[in-house]
Amino acid sequence: MFICFFATCHFIITVTPTTIYLMTYEQFTDSVSQSAPPDNISILLKALWYDAKGDWEAAHNIAQSSEGTRAYDHLHAYLHRVEGDTFNAGYWYRRAGVEVFKGSLKEEWKSIVQSLL
């Protein structure tokens, strides 16, 4: 809970934290064998989980849900690269302020996952 003690504040903000459990890269990749993504991972990790399961559409819907946010735009770029649309991927890499990844799709997936864990 946050209480403002300044004379101009007239509100109290209550924050209810969501527990996000830390997991290793290996635990995350092992979770792809399950039928559903782990409950307490970030939405961006869920998108990458769906991508690993071959559900590009679900991953893309997540990427589109917060366009203009650097991490989401980077995910969006990667997904268009997966799709084979390098022109569109280039647009999203530029929006994310990230260089076009030079390695394989698998290497980029791993790099993004590790950056989010």
C-alpha atoms as a PDB file:
ATOM      1  CA  MET A   1       0.000   0.000   0.000  1.00  0.00           C
ATOM      2  CA  PHE A   2       1.196   3.533  -0.780  1.00  0.00           C
ATOM      3  CA  ILE A   3       0.026   6.556   1.161  1.00  0.00           C
ATOM      4  CA  CYS A   4       0.955  10.029   0.000  1.00  0.00           C
ATOM      5  CA  PHE A   5       1.999  12.415   2.771  1.00  0.00           C
ATOM      6  CA  PHE A   6       2.212  15.504   0.594  1.00  0.00           C
ATOM      7  CA  ALA A   7      -0.450  18.164   1.034  1.00  0.00           C
ATOM      8  CA  THR A   8      -1.585  17.852  -2.584  1.00  0.00           C
ATOM      9  CA  CYS A   9      -2.295  14.112  -2.437  1.00  0.00           C
ATOM     10  CA  HIS A  10      -5.848  13.050  -1.722  1.00  0.00           C
ATOM     11  CA  PHE A  11      -5.711   9.352  -2.479  1.00  0.00           C
ATOM     12  CA  ILE A  12      -4.399   6.020  -1.312  1.00  0.00           C
ATOM     13  CA  ILE A  13      -3.043   3.497  -3.787  1.00  0.00           C
ATOM     14  CA  THR A  14      -3.286  -0.155  -2.856  1.00  0.00           C
ATOM     15  CA  VAL A  15      -1.063  -2.494  -4.813  1.00  0.00           C
ATOM     16  CA  THR A  16      -1.782  -6.183  -4.878  1.00  0.00           C
ATOM     17  CA  PRO A  17       1.335  -7.907  -6.180  1.00  0.00           C
ATOM     18  CA  THR A  18       1.120 -10.776  -8.617  1.00  0.00           C
ATOM     19  CA  THR A  19       3.588 -13.494  -7.820  1.00  0.00           C
ATOM     20  CA  ILE A  20       5.825 -14.288 -10.750  1.00  0.00           C
ATOM     21  CA  TYR A  21       8.024 -17.263 -10.051  1.00  0.00           C
ATOM     22  CA  LEU A  22      11.558 -17.283 -11.353  1.00  0.00           C
ATOM     23  CA  MET A  23      12.443 -20.176 -13.571  1.00  0.00           C
ATOM     24  CA  THR A  24      15.497 -21.246 -15.460  1.00  0.00           C
ATOM     25  CA  TYR A  25      15.761 -21.417 -19.231  1.00  0.00           C
ATOM     26  CA  GLU A  26      15.733 -25.217 -18.965  1.00  0.00           C
ATOM     27  CA  GLN A  27      12.558 -25.201 -16.855  1.00  0.00           C
ATOM     28  CA  PHE A  28      10.896 -22.905 -19.360  1.00  0.00           C
ATOM     29  CA  THR A  29      11.848 -25.059 -22.346  1.00  0.00           C
ATOM     30  CA  ASP A  30      10.726 -28.178 -20.445  1.00  0.00           C
ATOM     31  CA  SER A  31       7.336 -26.518 -19.887  1.00  0.00           C
ATOM     32  CA  VAL A  32       6.724 -26.522 -23.647  1.00  0.00           C
ATOM     33  CA  SER A  33       5.961 -30.247 -23.338  1.00  0.00           C
ATOM     34  CA  GLN A  34       2.941 -29.371 -21.174  1.00  0.00           C
ATOM     35  CA  SER A  35      -0.530 -28.686 -22.580  1.00  0.00           C
ATOM     36  CA  ALA A  36      -0.703 -25.133 -21.187  1.00  0.00           C
ATOM     37  CA  PRO A  37       1.863 -22.469 -20.337  1.00  0.00           C
ATOM     38  CA  PRO A  38       2.942 -22.111 -16.714  1.00  0.00           C
ATOM     39  CA  ASP A  39       0.529 -19.922 -14.755  1.00  0.00           C
ATOM     40  CA  ASN A  40       2.947 -17.463 -13.236  1.00  0.00           C
ATOM     41  CA  ILE A  41       5.080 -16.327 -16.150  1.00  0.00           C
ATOM     42  CA  SER A  42       4.930 -13.008 -17.933  1.00  0.00           C
ATOM     43  CA  ILE A  43       2.623 -12.543 -20.900  1.00  0.00           C
ATOM     44  CA  LEU A  44       5.664 -12.117 -23.161  1.00  0.00           C
ATOM     45  CA  LEU A  45       7.024 -15.481 -22.039  1.00  0.00           C
ATOM     46  CA  LYS A  46       3.575 -16.962 -22.688  1.00  0.00           C
ATOM     47  CA  ALA A  47       3.789 -15.636 -26.247  1.00  0.00           C
ATOM     48  CA  LEU A  48       7.148 -17.334 -26.726  1.00  0.00           C
ATOM     49  CA  TRP A  49       5.751 -20.494 -25.162  1.00  0.00           C
ATOM     50  CA  TYR A  50       2.903 -20.452 -27.726  1.00  0.00           C
ATOM     51  CA  ASP A  51       5.407 -19.844 -30.501  1.00  0.00           C
ATOM     52  CA  ALA A  52       7.442 -22.863 -29.379  1.00  0.00           C
ATOM     53  CA  LYS A  53       4.235 -24.916 -29.484  1.00  0.00           C
ATOM     54  CA  GLY A  54       3.620 -23.789 -33.078  1.00  0.00           C
ATOM     55  CA  ASP A  55       0.732 -21.477 -32.199  1.00  0.00           C
ATOM     56  CA  TRP A  56       1.992 -18.416 -34.086  1.00  0.00           C
ATOM     57  CA  GLU A  57      -1.441 -16.785 -34.003  1.00  0.00           C
ATOM     58  CA  ALA A  58      -1.685 -16.836 -30.196  1.00  0.00           C
ATOM     59  CA  ALA A  59       1.844 -15.453 -29.917  1.00  0.00           C
ATOM     60  CA  HIS A  60       1.110 -12.757 -32.497  1.00  0.00           C
ATOM     61  CA  ASN A  61      -2.084 -11.710 -30.708  1.00  0.00           C
ATOM     62  CA  ILE A  62      -0.032 -11.094 -27.571  1.00  0.00           C
ATOM     63  CA  ALA A  63       2.578  -9.116 -29.531  1.00  0.00           C
ATOM     64  CA  GLN A  64      -0.176  -6.923 -30.972  1.00  0.00           C
ATOM     65  CA  SER A  65      -1.776  -6.330 -27.575  1.00  0.00           C
ATOM     66  CA  SER A  66       0.764  -3.681 -26.562  1.00  0.00           C
ATOM     67  CA  GLU A  67       2.132  -2.232 -29.781  1.00  0.00           C
ATOM     68  CA  GLY A  68       4.429   0.684 -29.111  1.00  0.00           C
ATOM     69  CA  THR A  69       6.028  -1.054 -26.137  1.00  0.00           C
ATOM     70  CA  ARG A  70       9.620  -1.953 -26.906  1.00  0.00           C
ATOM     71  CA  ALA A  71       9.509  -5.555 -25.642  1.00  0.00           C
ATOM     72  CA  TYR A  72       6.236  -6.268 -27.455  1.00  0.00           C
ATOM     73  CA  ASP A  73       7.541  -4.693 -30.660  1.00  0.00           C
ATOM     74  CA  HIS A  74      10.681  -6.833 -30.436  1.00  0.00           C
ATOM     75  CA  LEU A  75       8.529  -9.935 -30.017  1.00  0.00           C
ATOM     76  CA  HIS A  76       6.432  -8.750 -32.965  1.00  0.00           C
ATOM     77  CA  ALA A  77       9.579  -8.421 -35.107  1.00  0.00           C
ATOM     78  CA  TYR A  78      10.730 -11.911 -34.188  1.00  0.00           C
ATOM     79  CA  LEU A  79       7.312 -13.382 -35.001  1.00  0.00           C
ATOM     80  CA  HIS A  80       7.248 -11.789 -38.446  1.00  0.00           C
ATOM     81  CA  ARG A  81      10.718 -13.189 -39.006  1.00  0.00           C
ATOM     82  CA  VAL A  82       9.314 -16.620 -38.068  1.00  0.00           C
ATOM     83  CA  GLU A  83       6.536 -16.040 -40.567  1.00  0.00           C
ATOM     84  CA  GLY A  84       9.133 -15.293 -43.250  1.00  0.00           C
ATOM     85  CA  ASP A  85       8.008 -11.683 -43.670  1.00  0.00           C
ATOM     86  CA  THR A  86      11.414 -10.000 -43.392  1.00  0.00           C
ATOM     87  CA  PHE A  87      10.112  -6.642 -44.612  1.00  0.00           C
ATOM     88  CA  ASN A  88       7.499  -6.447 -41.864  1.00  0.00           C
ATOM     89  CA  ALA A  89       9.985  -7.863 -39.333  1.00  0.00           C
ATOM     90  CA  GLY A  90      12.395  -5.052 -40.221  1.00  0.00           C
ATOM     91  CA  TYR A  91       9.698  -2.489 -39.498  1.00  0.00           C
ATOM     92  CA  TRP A  92       9.080  -3.956 -36.040  1.00  0.00           C
ATOM     93  CA  TYR A  93      12.800  -4.234 -35.241  1.00  0.00           C
ATOM     94  CA  ARG A  94      13.111  -0.511 -36.032  1.00  0.00           C
ATOM     95  CA  ARG A  95      10.090   0.312 -33.838  1.00  0.00           C
ATOM     96  CA  ALA A  96      11.621  -1.722 -31.016  1.00  0.00           C
ATOM     97  CA  GLY A  97      14.978   0.012 -31.446  1.00  0.00           C
ATOM     98  CA  VAL A  98      16.629  -3.375 -31.843  1.00  0.00           C
ATOM     99  CA  GLU A  99      19.032  -4.513 -34.550  1.00  0.00           C
ATOM    100  CA  VAL A 100      17.776  -7.240 -36.863  1.00  0.00           C
ATOM    101  CA  PHE A 101      18.923 -10.526 -35.339  1.00  0.00           C
ATOM    102  CA  LYS A 102      21.651 -12.148 -37.429  1.00  0.00           C
ATOM    103  CA  GLY A 103      21.452 -15.683 -36.042  1.00  0.00           C
ATOM    104  CA  SER A 104      18.918 -18.447 -36.485  1.00  0.00           C
ATOM    105  CA  LEU A 105      15.312 -18.243 -35.345  1.00  0.00           C
ATOM    106  CA  LYS A 106      16.094 -20.763 -32.613  1.00  0.00           C
ATOM    107  CA  GLU A 107      18.976 -18.604 -31.378  1.00  0.00           C
ATOM    108  CA  GLU A 108      16.803 -15.494 -31.355  1.00  0.00           C
ATOM    109  CA  TRP A 109      14.001 -17.297 -29.515  1.00  0.00           C
ATOM    110  CA  LYS A 110      16.507 -18.410 -26.874  1.00  0.00           C
ATOM    111  CA  SER A 111      17.966 -14.901 -26.613  1.00  0.00           C
ATOM    112  CA  ILE A 112      14.554 -13.302 -26.095  1.00  0.00           C
ATOM    113  CA  VAL A 113      13.442 -15.950 -23.585  1.00  0.00           C
ATOM    114  CA  GLN A 114      16.641 -15.539 -21.580  1.00  0.00           C
ATOM    115  CA  SER A 115      16.217 -11.767 -21.547  1.00  0.00           C
ATOM    116  CA  LEU A 116      12.732 -12.179 -20.052  1.00  0.00           C
ATOM    117  CA  LEU A 117      13.557 -14.760 -17.381  1.00  0.00           C
END
